Amino acid sequence: MVRKSHGPRRKTRKLFKKHPRERGLPPISRLLYEYKVGEYVVIKIDPSVHKGQPHRRFHGKVGVVIGKRGRAYIIRVRDGDTHKTVFARPEHLMPFKG
C-alpha cells in the first residue's frame, strides 16, 4: 500500500486553483508594489510562483506588515487566539481594501 503524502501543499487542489483567465504568471505591478510597515495586506497565494509561499493555512487571511526581510515581507497574522509571523513574497500579497 502507498503511504499518504503529508507535504506542505496537500489538500490544495481546489484552494490554489486559478480560473482560466487568471492563468500564468502575475502582472509585474504586483511584484513591484512596495508595502509600508503598518499596512494591512491580504495573503492570496499565487500557485504559479513557488518561492516565498506561506503555508496554505494563511491563504485568504488579513495581516499587518511589520517589516521586510530580503525580498519577502514579515506579516503578523491572527491564527485563532495567537498572533503568528508569516514570511511571504509580494507575489502572494495584495493590499487590503476595507
Protein backbone atom coordinates (compact mmCIF):
# COMPACT_ATOMS: atom_id res chain seq x y z
CA MET A 1 0.00 0.00 0.00
CA VAL A 2 1.23 3.52 -0.83
CA ARG A 3 1.76 5.85 2.11
CA LYS A 4 -0.09 9.16 2.14
CA SER A 5 1.96 12.29 1.49
CA HIS A 6 1.91 14.91 4.24
CA GLY A 7 3.70 17.65 2.28
CA PRO A 8 3.08 21.38 2.66
CA ARG A 9 0.84 21.54 -0.42
CA ARG A 10 -1.50 18.68 0.46
CA LYS A 11 -5.25 19.39 0.20
CA THR A 12 -4.66 22.41 -2.03
CA ARG A 13 -6.08 21.22 -5.36
CA LYS A 14 -9.21 23.36 -5.05
CA LEU A 15 -7.66 26.06 -2.83
CA PHE A 16 -4.81 27.02 -5.19
CA LYS A 17 -6.72 26.57 -8.47
CA LYS A 18 -6.77 29.54 -10.86
CA HIS A 19 -9.61 30.44 -13.18
CA PRO A 20 -8.82 30.12 -16.91
CA ARG A 21 -8.36 33.89 -17.49
CA GLU A 22 -6.03 34.21 -14.50
CA ARG A 23 -3.60 31.51 -15.64
CA GLY A 24 0.11 32.17 -15.94
CA LEU A 25 2.44 34.48 -14.06
CA PRO A 26 1.15 37.51 -12.14
CA PRO A 27 1.36 41.04 -13.58
CA ILE A 28 4.62 42.89 -12.94
CA SER A 29 2.81 45.63 -10.98
CA ARG A 30 2.03 43.08 -8.27
CA LEU A 31 5.72 42.32 -7.83
CA LEU A 32 6.85 45.95 -7.77
CA TYR A 33 4.30 47.18 -5.21
CA GLU A 34 6.03 48.43 -2.04
CA TYR A 35 4.19 47.75 1.20
CA LYS A 36 4.78 50.06 4.16
CA VAL A 37 5.12 48.98 7.79
CA GLY A 38 1.68 49.03 9.42
CA GLU A 39 -0.19 48.48 6.14
CA TYR A 40 -2.86 45.78 6.02
CA VAL A 41 -2.44 43.07 3.38
CA VAL A 42 -4.40 40.02 2.22
CA ILE A 43 -2.45 36.81 1.80
CA LYS A 44 -3.56 35.40 -1.54
CA ILE A 45 -1.17 32.62 -2.54
CA ASP A 46 -0.27 32.51 -6.22
CA PRO A 47 0.17 28.83 -7.16
CA SER A 48 2.24 29.64 -10.26
CA VAL A 49 5.05 31.07 -8.09
CA HIS A 50 6.51 28.57 -5.63
CA LYS A 51 9.14 30.77 -3.98
CA GLY A 52 8.07 32.68 -0.90
CA GLN A 53 4.77 30.88 -0.49
CA PRO A 54 3.35 30.97 3.04
CA HIS A 55 1.57 27.93 4.44
CA ARG A 56 -1.86 27.19 2.97
CA ARG A 57 -3.41 27.82 6.41
CA PHE A 58 -2.87 31.56 5.90
CA HIS A 59 -4.48 31.78 2.42
CA GLY A 60 -7.16 34.48 2.50
CA LYS A 61 -6.13 35.91 5.87
CA VAL A 62 -5.58 39.60 6.54
CA GLY A 63 -2.42 40.68 8.34
CA VAL A 64 -0.25 43.68 9.14
CA VAL A 65 3.18 44.26 7.58
CA ILE A 66 5.72 44.53 10.41
CA GLY A 67 8.92 44.51 8.37
CA LYS A 68 10.87 43.31 5.38
CA ARG A 69 13.48 40.58 5.10
CA GLY A 70 15.22 40.43 1.75
CA ARG A 71 12.51 40.38 -0.91
CA ALA A 72 9.93 38.97 1.49
CA TYR A 73 7.66 40.81 3.89
CA ILE A 74 7.08 39.89 7.51
CA ILE A 75 3.37 39.84 8.28
CA ARG A 76 1.64 39.43 11.64
CA VAL A 77 -1.48 37.29 11.22
CA ARG A 78 -4.01 36.24 13.80
CA ASP A 79 -4.41 32.46 13.95
CA GLY A 80 -7.08 31.57 16.48
CA ASP A 81 -6.14 33.24 19.77
CA THR A 82 -2.47 33.78 18.90
CA HIS A 83 -0.57 36.05 16.53
CA LYS A 84 1.87 34.43 14.12
CA THR A 85 4.56 35.86 11.88
CA VAL A 86 4.37 34.87 8.24
CA PHE A 87 7.11 35.44 5.66
CA ALA A 88 5.75 35.96 2.15
CA ARG A 89 6.99 37.50 -1.05
CA PRO A 90 4.91 40.21 -2.76
CA GLU A 91 3.55 37.78 -5.38
CA HIS A 92 1.39 36.30 -2.62
CA LEU A 93 0.18 39.58 -1.13
CA MET A 94 -2.48 42.11 -2.08
CA PRO A 95 -3.34 45.47 -0.48
CA PHE A 96 -6.35 45.23 1.83
CA LYS A 97 -9.28 47.38 0.74
CA GLY A 98 -11.53 47.67 3.75
